[in-house]
Amino acid sequence: MNKIIKLLSLILWLSVPVSINAQTITPLAGDYKIIDIGGNGGGNYTKNLILLHQMYDETGINMNNAVGTITAFRGAAGASNRINIVEINSSSAYLTTSALIKSRDNNSSWVLKTCIYNGKKYLALDVPYSAAYHNWGFKFSGWTTSTGENMKSVAYQKDGVAINTDVLSDIQDYSPNMNETLHVNKLLIMGNNVGIGIANPTNKLDVNGIIHSKEVKVDMNGWSDFVFKKEYNLPTLEEVEKHINEKGHLKDIPSEEEVLKNGISLGEMNTKLLQKIEEMTLYMIEMKKENELLKTNQKVLEKKIQQIENK
């Protein structure tokens, strides 16, 4: 009988939604606090939000803010190492909300979200997910206050299944709307790859968008003036025409398919285009010589015809 009761108790416990962690708050000075937020509420294979503070939702709101740092750790002799740190700058008051974050990690990144929790709208952080959870939980230090929940961890998915849907809903991306200005003498970035508008850059600088500049200087390893050297084998126009008919593009110039797939290198492409311009220049010089010769021959022919007519 006792075993049956224990089994029923276990089943009842398992049927309860994944827990929403309680906090330990240590006030330091006014609203400047250290908060032990707790864990993700479900262990491995759990996705969770951290509710930062209540935010404006069509009704004027008193000052809510979170300015500080959240640190998330995982690691032990038998647990893989994870570190995710995010600096938060956010506030909501009167009729607006402003926010941005800066994060550092050796895994995935933090993302700002909005959500509805117990009928109120919140600015939240989507915790970087991995199957292996942050076994040391989350710690916040900074200046924060909220008219609702404040620095609360809420799980929203466990093993791929939505949970806590009775209290948590409408999770949406939030677009940061604050600026960051670095007024410095030099900005040195010593990392491997930098991405702007792209999550996983594979080059020193990857930009997903338009680059607007007064000038771009490209270092080159060579130039196209070899075309003007005597030993250069200038293709005949017949050879050029044959290549165009067969390939659909100029020789040594990538095809449309290649460009759409791989893009172009500005330095390399400028070199190739100049090569074609220089080849065209040689063709024009040769055509000018041929044209002058034709003019000369035409004058000789006209003179002979005039002589014949005079006779």
C-alpha atoms as a PDB file:
ATOM      1  CA  MET A   1       0.000   0.000   0.000  1.00  0.00           C
ATOM      2  CA  ASN A   2       2.815   2.392   0.904  1.00  0.00           C
ATOM      3  CA  LYS A   3       4.464   1.657  -2.439  1.00  0.00           C
ATOM      4  CA  ILE A   4       1.225   2.504  -4.260  1.00  0.00           C
ATOM      5  CA  ILE A   5       0.916   5.778  -2.351  1.00  0.00           C
ATOM      6  CA  LYS A   6       4.541   6.665  -3.144  1.00  0.00           C
ATOM      7  CA  LEU A   7       3.999   5.799  -6.810  1.00  0.00           C
ATOM      8  CA  LEU A   8       0.867   7.959  -6.980  1.00  0.00           C
ATOM      9  CA  SER A   9       2.737  10.804  -5.279  1.00  0.00           C
ATOM     10  CA  LEU A  10       5.551  10.497  -7.818  1.00  0.00           C
ATOM     11  CA  ILE A  11       3.091  10.538 -10.747  1.00  0.00           C
ATOM     12  CA  LEU A  12       1.347  13.584  -9.257  1.00  0.00           C
ATOM     13  CA  TRP A  13       4.685  15.353  -8.844  1.00  0.00           C
ATOM     14  CA  LEU A  14       5.699  14.580 -12.418  1.00  0.00           C
ATOM     15  CA  SER A  15       2.405  15.994 -13.713  1.00  0.00           C
ATOM     16  CA  VAL A  16       3.108  19.415 -12.166  1.00  0.00           C
ATOM     17  CA  PRO A  17       4.613  21.935 -14.662  1.00  0.00           C
ATOM     18  CA  VAL A  18       8.384  22.436 -14.472  1.00  0.00           C
ATOM     19  CA  SER A  19       9.086  24.719 -11.540  1.00  0.00           C
ATOM     20  CA  ILE A  20       9.462  28.479 -11.726  1.00  0.00           C
ATOM     21  CA  ASN A  21      12.476  29.181  -9.569  1.00  0.00           C
ATOM     22  CA  ALA A  22      12.442  31.250  -6.421  1.00  0.00           C
ATOM     23  CA  GLN A  23      15.094  33.926  -5.882  1.00  0.00           C
ATOM     24  CA  THR A  24      17.513  34.971  -3.215  1.00  0.00           C
ATOM     25  CA  ILE A  25      17.864  38.775  -3.217  1.00  0.00           C
ATOM     26  CA  THR A  26      20.635  40.682  -1.449  1.00  0.00           C
ATOM     27  CA  PRO A  27      20.003  44.453  -1.497  1.00  0.00           C
ATOM     28  CA  LEU A  28      23.215  46.505  -1.469  1.00  0.00           C
ATOM     29  CA  ALA A  29      22.086  50.094  -1.883  1.00  0.00           C
ATOM     30  CA  GLY A  30      18.512  50.940  -2.710  1.00  0.00           C
ATOM     31  CA  ASP A  31      17.591  49.084  -5.897  1.00  0.00           C
ATOM     32  CA  TYR A  32      21.174  47.951  -6.504  1.00  0.00           C
ATOM     33  CA  LYS A  33      21.061  44.238  -5.770  1.00  0.00           C
ATOM     34  CA  ILE A  34      22.692  40.874  -6.094  1.00  0.00           C
ATOM     35  CA  ILE A  35      20.105  38.285  -7.067  1.00  0.00           C
ATOM     36  CA  ASP A  36      20.504  34.528  -7.143  1.00  0.00           C
ATOM     37  CA  ILE A  37      17.917  33.861  -9.870  1.00  0.00           C
ATOM     38  CA  GLY A  38      18.126  30.086  -9.519  1.00  0.00           C
ATOM     39  CA  GLY A  39      18.243  27.515 -12.317  1.00  0.00           C
ATOM     40  CA  ASN A  40      16.246  26.881 -15.462  1.00  0.00           C
ATOM     41  CA  GLY A  41      13.558  24.935 -13.625  1.00  0.00           C
ATOM     42  CA  GLY A  42      13.932  21.663 -15.478  1.00  0.00           C
ATOM     43  CA  GLY A  43      17.546  20.574 -15.825  1.00  0.00           C
ATOM     44  CA  ASN A  44      18.771  19.154 -19.137  1.00  0.00           C
ATOM     45  CA  TYR A  45      16.843  19.740 -22.374  1.00  0.00           C
ATOM     46  CA  THR A  46      15.007  22.747 -20.903  1.00  0.00           C
ATOM     47  CA  LYS A  47      14.598  26.181 -22.473  1.00  0.00           C
ATOM     48  CA  ASN A  48      13.829  29.108 -20.211  1.00  0.00           C
ATOM     49  CA  LEU A  49      13.319  32.850 -20.080  1.00  0.00           C
ATOM     50  CA  ILE A  50      14.526  35.264 -17.428  1.00  0.00           C
ATOM     51  CA  LEU A  51      11.868  37.919 -16.865  1.00  0.00           C
ATOM     52  CA  LEU A  52      13.801  41.176 -16.490  1.00  0.00           C
ATOM     53  CA  HIS A  53      10.970  43.532 -15.567  1.00  0.00           C
ATOM     54  CA  GLN A  54       7.471  44.543 -16.521  1.00  0.00           C
ATOM     55  CA  MET A  55       7.276  46.758 -19.608  1.00  0.00           C
ATOM     56  CA  TYR A  56       4.967  49.304 -21.217  1.00  0.00           C
ATOM     57  CA  ASP A  57       1.856  47.690 -22.696  1.00  0.00           C
ATOM     58  CA  GLU A  58      -0.484  50.473 -23.897  1.00  0.00           C
ATOM     59  CA  THR A  59      -0.828  51.861 -20.359  1.00  0.00           C
ATOM     60  CA  GLY A  60       1.582  54.284 -18.675  1.00  0.00           C
ATOM     61  CA  ILE A  61       3.985  52.495 -16.343  1.00  0.00           C
ATOM     62  CA  ASN A  62       6.244  53.520 -13.458  1.00  0.00           C
ATOM     63  CA  MET A  63      10.009  53.142 -13.762  1.00  0.00           C
ATOM     64  CA  ASN A  64      11.119  49.584 -14.417  1.00  0.00           C
ATOM     65  CA  ASN A  65      14.745  48.866 -15.201  1.00  0.00           C
ATOM     66  CA  ALA A  66      17.549  46.324 -15.326  1.00  0.00           C
ATOM     67  CA  VAL A  67      21.086  47.630 -15.645  1.00  0.00           C
ATOM     68  CA  GLY A  68      23.703  45.078 -14.756  1.00  0.00           C
ATOM     69  CA  THR A  69      25.136  41.660 -15.506  1.00  0.00           C
ATOM     70  CA  ILE A  70      23.747  38.127 -15.544  1.00  0.00           C
ATOM     71  CA  THR A  71      26.212  35.247 -15.387  1.00  0.00           C
ATOM     72  CA  ALA A  72      25.330  31.635 -16.197  1.00  0.00           C
ATOM     73  CA  PHE A  73      27.746  28.789 -15.489  1.00  0.00           C
ATOM     74  CA  ARG A  74      28.014  25.080 -16.065  1.00  0.00           C
ATOM     75  CA  GLY A  75      30.951  22.931 -15.100  1.00  0.00           C
ATOM     76  CA  ALA A  76      32.230  20.152 -12.858  1.00  0.00           C
ATOM     77  CA  ALA A  77      34.559  17.167 -13.002  1.00  0.00           C
ATOM     78  CA  GLY A  78      31.803  15.316 -14.824  1.00  0.00           C
ATOM     79  CA  ALA A  79      29.988  18.234 -16.469  1.00  0.00           C
ATOM     80  CA  SER A  80      31.099  20.139 -19.573  1.00  0.00           C
ATOM     81  CA  ASN A  81      32.206  23.765 -19.277  1.00  0.00           C
ATOM     82  CA  ARG A  82      29.787  26.532 -20.286  1.00  0.00           C
ATOM     83  CA  ILE A  83      29.917  30.250 -19.600  1.00  0.00           C
ATOM     84  CA  ASN A  84      27.335  32.787 -20.755  1.00  0.00           C
ATOM     85  CA  ILE A  85      27.543  36.409 -19.618  1.00  0.00           C
ATOM     86  CA  VAL A  86      25.213  39.226 -20.642  1.00  0.00           C
ATOM     87  CA  GLU A  87      25.269  42.940 -19.856  1.00  0.00           C
ATOM     88  CA  ILE A  88      21.766  44.399 -19.760  1.00  0.00           C
ATOM     89  CA  ASN A  89      20.722  48.004 -20.263  1.00  0.00           C
ATOM     90  CA  SER A  90      16.948  48.271 -20.211  1.00  0.00           C
ATOM     91  CA  SER A  91      14.187  50.416 -18.820  1.00  0.00           C
ATOM     92  CA  SER A  92      10.460  50.952 -19.247  1.00  0.00           C
ATOM     93  CA  ALA A  93       8.594  53.972 -17.958  1.00  0.00           C
ATOM     94  CA  TYR A  94       5.661  56.153 -18.973  1.00  0.00           C
ATOM     95  CA  LEU A  95       4.942  55.112 -22.589  1.00  0.00           C
ATOM     96  CA  THR A  96       8.190  53.585 -23.877  1.00  0.00           C
ATOM     97  CA  THR A  97      10.697  50.777 -23.434  1.00  0.00           C
ATOM     98  CA  SER A  98      14.393  50.981 -24.289  1.00  0.00           C
ATOM     99  CA  ALA A  99      16.856  48.094 -24.240  1.00  0.00           C
ATOM    100  CA  LEU A 100      20.059  46.590 -25.542  1.00  0.00           C
ATOM    101  CA  ILE A 101      22.304  43.745 -24.435  1.00  0.00           C
ATOM    102  CA  LYS A 102      25.962  42.776 -24.887  1.00  0.00           C
ATOM    103  CA  SER A 103      26.924  39.156 -24.355  1.00  0.00           C
ATOM    104  CA  ARG A 104      29.993  36.952 -24.158  1.00  0.00           C
ATOM    105  CA  ASP A 105      29.854  33.194 -24.367  1.00  0.00           C
ATOM    106  CA  ASN A 106      31.475  29.951 -25.454  1.00  0.00           C
ATOM    107  CA  ASN A 107      28.182  28.554 -26.681  1.00  0.00           C
ATOM    108  CA  SER A 108      25.079  30.247 -28.096  1.00  0.00           C
ATOM    109  CA  SER A 109      24.065  33.853 -27.364  1.00  0.00           C
ATOM    110  CA  TRP A 110      21.421  35.586 -25.254  1.00  0.00           C
ATOM    111  CA  VAL A 111      18.444  37.112 -27.092  1.00  0.00           C
ATOM    112  CA  LEU A 112      15.975  39.764 -25.962  1.00  0.00           C
ATOM    113  CA  LYS A 113      12.321  38.711 -25.965  1.00  0.00           C
ATOM    114  CA  THR A 114       8.929  39.945 -24.830  1.00  0.00           C
ATOM    115  CA  CYS A 115       6.275  37.732 -23.305  1.00  0.00           C
ATOM    116  CA  ILE A 116       3.051  37.691 -21.330  1.00  0.00           C
ATOM    117  CA  TYR A 117       3.370  36.263 -17.822  1.00  0.00           C
ATOM    118  CA  ASN A 118       0.302  36.046 -15.580  1.00  0.00           C
ATOM    119  CA  GLY A 119      -1.431  38.625 -17.770  1.00  0.00           C
ATOM    120  CA  LYS A 120       1.384  41.204 -17.727  1.00  0.00           C
ATOM    121  CA  LYS A 121       3.849  42.034 -20.477  1.00  0.00           C
ATOM    122  CA  TYR A 122       7.549  41.573 -19.693  1.00  0.00           C
ATOM    123  CA  LEU A 123      10.896  42.258 -21.237  1.00  0.00           C
ATOM    124  CA  ALA A 124      12.811  38.998 -21.000  1.00  0.00           C
ATOM    125  CA  LEU A 125      16.015  37.208 -21.928  1.00  0.00           C
ATOM    126  CA  ASP A 126      16.031  33.926 -23.796  1.00  0.00           C
ATOM    127  CA  VAL A 127      18.765  31.952 -22.022  1.00  0.00           C
ATOM    128  CA  PRO A 128      21.376  30.423 -24.382  1.00  0.00           C
ATOM    129  CA  TYR A 129      20.215  26.856 -24.906  1.00  0.00           C
ATOM    130  CA  SER A 130      22.153  23.638 -24.859  1.00  0.00           C
ATOM    131  CA  ALA A 131      20.984  20.165 -23.914  1.00  0.00           C
ATOM    132  CA  ALA A 132      23.404  20.404 -20.983  1.00  0.00           C
ATOM    133  CA  TYR A 133      21.871  22.978 -18.632  1.00  0.00           C
ATOM    134  CA  HIS A 134      23.636  25.624 -16.511  1.00  0.00           C
ATOM    135  CA  ASN A 135      24.028  23.566 -13.339  1.00  0.00           C
ATOM    136  CA  TRP A 136      25.240  26.614 -11.344  1.00  0.00           C
ATOM    137  CA  GLY A 137      22.178  28.619 -12.325  1.00  0.00           C
ATOM    138  CA  PHE A 138      22.001  32.364 -12.979  1.00  0.00           C
ATOM    139  CA  LYS A 139      23.288  35.296 -10.912  1.00  0.00           C
ATOM    140  CA  PHE A 140      22.466  38.992 -11.428  1.00  0.00           C
ATOM    141  CA  SER A 141      24.243  42.032 -10.059  1.00  0.00           C
ATOM    142  CA  GLY A 142      23.115  45.570 -10.788  1.00  0.00           C
ATOM    143  CA  TRP A 143      20.388  48.162 -10.466  1.00  0.00           C
ATOM    144  CA  THR A 144      16.953  46.702 -11.084  1.00  0.00           C
ATOM    145  CA  THR A 145      13.340  47.248 -10.100  1.00  0.00           C
ATOM    146  CA  SER A 146       9.990  46.133 -11.484  1.00  0.00           C
ATOM    147  CA  THR A 147       6.315  46.821 -10.896  1.00  0.00           C
ATOM    148  CA  GLY A 148       5.802  43.087 -11.498  1.00  0.00           C
ATOM    149  CA  GLU A 149       8.152  40.121 -11.467  1.00  0.00           C
ATOM    150  CA  ASN A 150      11.857  40.909 -11.413  1.00  0.00           C
ATOM    151  CA  MET A 151      14.697  38.575 -12.492  1.00  0.00           C
ATOM    152  CA  LYS A 152      12.537  35.453 -12.461  1.00  0.00           C
ATOM    153  CA  SER A 153      13.458  32.292 -14.368  1.00  0.00           C
ATOM    154  CA  VAL A 154      10.544  30.605 -16.146  1.00  0.00           C
ATOM    155  CA  ALA A 155      10.902  27.427 -18.232  1.00  0.00           C
ATOM    156  CA  TYR A 156       8.905  27.399 -21.472  1.00  0.00           C
ATOM    157  CA  GLN A 157       9.986  24.135 -23.100  1.00  0.00           C
ATOM    158  CA  LYS A 158      11.082  20.710 -21.816  1.00  0.00           C
ATOM    159  CA  ASP A 159      12.201  17.903 -24.154  1.00  0.00           C
ATOM    160  CA  GLY A 160      10.739  19.849 -27.080  1.00  0.00           C
ATOM    161  CA  VAL A 161       7.301  20.208 -25.445  1.00  0.00           C
ATOM    162  CA  ALA A 162       5.857  23.583 -24.378  1.00  0.00           C
ATOM    163  CA  ILE A 163       5.349  23.935 -20.608  1.00  0.00           C
ATOM    164  CA  ASN A 164       3.994  26.546 -18.193  1.00  0.00           C
ATOM    165  CA  THR A 165       1.572  27.647 -20.908  1.00  0.00           C
ATOM    166  CA  ASP A 166      -1.021  28.452 -18.222  1.00  0.00           C
ATOM    167  CA  VAL A 167       1.097  31.401 -17.041  1.00  0.00           C
ATOM    168  CA  LEU A 168       3.479  32.108 -19.939  1.00  0.00           C
ATOM    169  CA  SER A 169       2.490  33.000 -23.522  1.00  0.00           C
ATOM    170  CA  ASP A 170       3.136  35.149 -26.600  1.00  0.00           C
ATOM    171  CA  ILE A 171       6.944  34.916 -26.606  1.00  0.00           C
ATOM    172  CA  GLN A 172       8.213  37.340 -29.274  1.00  0.00           C
ATOM    173  CA  ASP A 173      11.563  38.695 -30.465  1.00  0.00           C
ATOM    174  CA  TYR A 174      12.442  42.191 -29.250  1.00  0.00           C
ATOM    175  CA  SER A 175      14.486  44.492 -31.491  1.00  0.00           C
ATOM    176  CA  PRO A 176      17.027  46.513 -29.460  1.00  0.00           C
ATOM    177  CA  ASN A 177      16.404  50.241 -29.836  1.00  0.00           C
ATOM    178  CA  MET A 178      19.329  51.820 -27.984  1.00  0.00           C
ATOM    179  CA  ASN A 179      22.634  53.072 -29.421  1.00  0.00           C
ATOM    180  CA  GLU A 180      26.150  52.375 -28.223  1.00  0.00           C
ATOM    181  CA  THR A 181      28.877  54.925 -28.992  1.00  0.00           C
ATOM    182  CA  LEU A 182      32.587  54.228 -28.578  1.00  0.00           C
ATOM    183  CA  HIS A 183      34.419  57.561 -28.438  1.00  0.00           C
ATOM    184  CA  VAL A 184      37.996  56.292 -28.399  1.00  0.00           C
ATOM    185  CA  ASN A 185      41.382  56.946 -29.965  1.00  0.00           C
ATOM    186  CA  LYS A 186      41.662  53.417 -31.382  1.00  0.00           C
ATOM    187  CA  LEU A 187      39.311  50.436 -31.407  1.00  0.00           C
ATOM    188  CA  LEU A 188      41.293  47.208 -31.589  1.00  0.00           C
ATOM    189  CA  ILE A 189      39.505  43.925 -32.278  1.00  0.00           C
ATOM    190  CA  MET A 190      41.942  41.055 -31.861  1.00  0.00           C
ATOM    191  CA  GLY A 191      39.419  38.256 -32.453  1.00  0.00           C
ATOM    192  CA  ASN A 192      39.312  35.886 -35.387  1.00  0.00           C
ATOM    193  CA  ASN A 193      36.050  36.841 -37.143  1.00  0.00           C
ATOM    194  CA  VAL A 194      33.643  39.785 -36.838  1.00  0.00           C
ATOM    195  CA  GLY A 195      30.025  39.659 -37.978  1.00  0.00           C
ATOM    196  CA  ILE A 196      27.632  42.567 -38.548  1.00  0.00           C
ATOM    197  CA  GLY A 197      24.077  41.368 -39.023  1.00  0.00           C
ATOM    198  CA  ILE A 198      25.296  37.773 -39.223  1.00  0.00           C
ATOM    199  CA  ALA A 199      25.489  35.250 -36.387  1.00  0.00           C
ATOM    200  CA  ASN A 200      28.358  33.024 -37.529  1.00  0.00           C
ATOM    201  CA  PRO A 201      30.994  34.990 -39.477  1.00  0.00           C
ATOM    202  CA  THR A 202      33.519  32.880 -41.369  1.00  0.00           C
ATOM    203  CA  ASN A 203      35.824  35.734 -42.433  1.00  0.00           C
ATOM    204  CA  LYS A 204      37.663  38.539 -40.668  1.00  0.00           C
ATOM    205  CA  LEU A 205      34.622  40.751 -41.368  1.00  0.00           C
ATOM    206  CA  ASP A 206      31.242  39.494 -42.582  1.00  0.00           C
ATOM    207  CA  VAL A 207      28.532  42.095 -43.211  1.00  0.00           C
ATOM    208  CA  ASN A 208      24.938  41.231 -44.040  1.00  0.00           C
ATOM    209  CA  GLY A 209      23.898  44.552 -45.545  1.00  0.00           C
ATOM    210  CA  ILE A 210      25.181  47.641 -47.362  1.00  0.00           C
ATOM    211  CA  ILE A 211      28.585  49.168 -46.585  1.00  0.00           C
ATOM    212  CA  HIS A 212      28.604  52.931 -47.182  1.00  0.00           C
ATOM    213  CA  SER A 213      32.036  54.535 -47.357  1.00  0.00           C
ATOM    214  CA  LYS A 214      33.743  57.519 -48.964  1.00  0.00           C
ATOM    215  CA  GLU A 215      36.644  55.340 -49.987  1.00  0.00           C
ATOM    216  CA  VAL A 216      37.733  51.695 -49.865  1.00  0.00           C
ATOM    217  CA  LYS A 217      41.420  50.839 -50.192  1.00  0.00           C
ATOM    218  CA  VAL A 218      42.290  47.274 -51.204  1.00  0.00           C
ATOM    219  CA  ASP A 219      45.823  45.887 -50.926  1.00  0.00           C
ATOM    220  CA  MET A 220      46.797  43.981 -54.072  1.00  0.00           C
ATOM    221  CA  ASN A 221      49.229  41.169 -54.836  1.00  0.00           C
ATOM    222  CA  GLY A 222      49.501  42.056 -58.520  1.00  0.00           C
ATOM    223  CA  TRP A 223      48.032  44.134 -61.345  1.00  0.00           C
ATOM    224  CA  SER A 224      46.991  43.683 -64.967  1.00  0.00           C
ATOM    225  CA  ASP A 225      49.709  45.595 -66.806  1.00  0.00           C
ATOM    226  CA  PHE A 226      51.208  42.260 -67.924  1.00  0.00           C
ATOM    227  CA  VAL A 227      48.772  42.619 -70.852  1.00  0.00           C
ATOM    228  CA  PHE A 228      51.029  45.320 -72.333  1.00  0.00           C
ATOM    229  CA  LYS A 229      54.178  43.177 -72.237  1.00  0.00           C
ATOM    230  CA  LYS A 230      55.458  41.883 -75.577  1.00  0.00           C
ATOM    231  CA  GLU A 231      55.313  38.256 -74.466  1.00  0.00           C
ATOM    232  CA  TYR A 232      51.603  38.466 -73.592  1.00  0.00           C
ATOM    233  CA  ASN A 233      49.539  36.211 -75.831  1.00  0.00           C
ATOM    234  CA  LEU A 234      46.583  38.422 -76.737  1.00  0.00           C
ATOM    235  CA  PRO A 235      43.613  36.249 -77.768  1.00  0.00           C
ATOM    236  CA  THR A 236      42.272  36.902 -81.227  1.00  0.00           C
ATOM    237  CA  LEU A 237      38.771  38.320 -81.535  1.00  0.00           C
ATOM    238  CA  GLU A 238      37.769  35.032 -83.168  1.00  0.00           C
ATOM    239  CA  GLU A 239      38.919  33.193 -80.020  1.00  0.00           C
ATOM    240  CA  VAL A 240      37.020  35.664 -77.836  1.00  0.00           C
ATOM    241  CA  GLU A 241      33.861  35.172 -79.878  1.00  0.00           C
ATOM    242  CA  LYS A 242      34.202  31.384 -79.703  1.00  0.00           C
ATOM    243  CA  HIS A 243      34.576  31.429 -75.894  1.00  0.00           C
ATOM    244  CA  ILE A 244      31.529  33.686 -75.506  1.00  0.00           C
ATOM    245  CA  ASN A 245      29.425  31.429 -77.724  1.00  0.00           C
ATOM    246  CA  GLU A 246      30.506  28.311 -75.811  1.00  0.00           C
ATOM    247  CA  LYS A 247      30.641  29.601 -72.213  1.00  0.00           C
ATOM    248  CA  GLY A 248      28.343  32.633 -72.175  1.00  0.00           C
ATOM    249  CA  HIS A 249      30.915  34.896 -70.511  1.00  0.00           C
ATOM    250  CA  LEU A 250      34.390  36.348 -71.072  1.00  0.00           C
ATOM    251  CA  LYS A 251      37.422  34.190 -70.433  1.00  0.00           C
ATOM    252  CA  ASP A 252      38.903  34.577 -66.912  1.00  0.00           C
ATOM    253  CA  ILE A 253      35.672  36.282 -65.741  1.00  0.00           C
ATOM    254  CA  PRO A 254      33.398  34.201 -63.455  1.00  0.00           C
ATOM    255  CA  SER A 255      29.996  33.193 -64.738  1.00  0.00           C
ATOM    256  CA  GLU A 256      26.731  34.491 -63.306  1.00  0.00           C
ATOM    257  CA  GLU A 257      26.214  31.150 -61.542  1.00  0.00           C
ATOM    258  CA  GLU A 258      29.624  31.365 -59.867  1.00  0.00           C
ATOM    259  CA  VAL A 259      29.064  34.973 -58.766  1.00  0.00           C
ATOM    260  CA  LEU A 260      25.642  34.233 -57.270  1.00  0.00           C
ATOM    261  CA  LYS A 261      27.087  31.263 -55.406  1.00  0.00           C
ATOM    262  CA  ASN A 262      30.446  32.620 -54.220  1.00  0.00           C
ATOM    263  CA  GLY A 263      30.223  36.416 -54.584  1.00  0.00           C
ATOM    264  CA  ILE A 264      33.236  38.331 -55.876  1.00  0.00           C
ATOM    265  CA  SER A 265      36.527  39.574 -54.485  1.00  0.00           C
ATOM    266  CA  LEU A 266      36.767  43.310 -55.207  1.00  0.00           C
ATOM    267  CA  GLY A 267      40.529  43.319 -55.652  1.00  0.00           C
ATOM    268  CA  GLU A 268      40.591  40.224 -57.853  1.00  0.00           C
ATOM    269  CA  MET A 269      37.602  41.359 -59.912  1.00  0.00           C
ATOM    270  CA  ASN A 270      39.062  44.837 -60.480  1.00  0.00           C
ATOM    271  CA  THR A 271      42.253  43.185 -61.721  1.00  0.00           C
ATOM    272  CA  LYS A 272      40.329  40.956 -64.134  1.00  0.00           C
ATOM    273  CA  LEU A 273      38.167  43.834 -65.398  1.00  0.00           C
ATOM    274  CA  LEU A 274      41.251  45.977 -65.969  1.00  0.00           C
ATOM    275  CA  GLN A 275      42.803  43.068 -67.858  1.00  0.00           C
ATOM    276  CA  LYS A 276      39.808  43.056 -70.202  1.00  0.00           C
ATOM    277  CA  ILE A 277      39.935  46.843 -70.584  1.00  0.00           C
ATOM    278  CA  GLU A 278      43.627  46.685 -71.459  1.00  0.00           C
ATOM    279  CA  GLU A 279      42.941  43.874 -73.969  1.00  0.00           C
ATOM    280  CA  MET A 280      40.159  45.998 -75.485  1.00  0.00           C
ATOM    281  CA  THR A 281      42.616  48.908 -75.688  1.00  0.00           C
ATOM    282  CA  LEU A 282      45.058  46.759 -77.661  1.00  0.00           C
ATOM    283  CA  TYR A 283      42.242  45.631 -79.970  1.00  0.00           C
ATOM    284  CA  MET A 284      41.259  49.292 -80.537  1.00  0.00           C
ATOM    285  CA  ILE A 285      44.848  50.293 -81.258  1.00  0.00           C
ATOM    286  CA  GLU A 286      45.142  47.442 -83.753  1.00  0.00           C
ATOM    287  CA  MET A 287      41.796  48.370 -85.329  1.00  0.00           C
ATOM    288  CA  LYS A 288      42.926  52.007 -85.580  1.00  0.00           C
ATOM    289  CA  LYS A 289      46.063  50.919 -87.420  1.00  0.00           C
ATOM    290  CA  GLU A 290      43.980  48.764 -89.764  1.00  0.00           C
ATOM    291  CA  ASN A 291      41.568  51.662 -90.289  1.00  0.00           C
ATOM    292  CA  GLU A 292      44.418  54.056 -91.133  1.00  0.00           C
ATOM    293  CA  LEU A 293      45.796  51.499 -93.583  1.00  0.00           C
ATOM    294  CA  LEU A 294      42.370  51.153 -95.208  1.00  0.00           C
ATOM    295  CA  LYS A 295      42.122  54.936 -95.524  1.00  0.00           C
ATOM    296  CA  THR A 296      45.534  55.083 -97.130  1.00  0.00           C
ATOM    297  CA  ASN A 297      44.672  52.282 -99.553  1.00  0.00           C
ATOM    298  CA  GLN A 298      41.367  53.965-100.330  1.00  0.00           C
ATOM    299  CA  LYS A 299      43.135  57.220-101.222  1.00  0.00           C
ATOM    300  CA  VAL A 300      45.547  55.355-103.504  1.00  0.00           C
ATOM    301  CA  LEU A 301      42.636  53.537-105.136  1.00  0.00           C
ATOM    302  CA  GLU A 302      40.670  56.764-105.584  1.00  0.00           C
ATOM    303  CA  LYS A 303      43.718  58.419-107.156  1.00  0.00           C
ATOM    304  CA  LYS A 304      44.131  55.568-109.639  1.00  0.00           C
ATOM    305  CA  ILE A 305      40.423  55.682-110.511  1.00  0.00           C
ATOM    306  CA  GLN A 306      40.684  59.425-111.097  1.00  0.00           C
ATOM    307  CA  GLN A 307      43.671  58.886-113.364  1.00  0.00           C
ATOM    308  CA  ILE A 308      41.752  56.299-115.351  1.00  0.00           C
ATOM    309  CA  GLU A 309      38.780  58.609-115.677  1.00  0.00           C
ATOM    310  CA  ASN A 310      41.014  61.458-116.825  1.00  0.00           C
ATOM    311  CA  LYS A 311      42.381  59.298-119.608  1.00  0.00           C
END
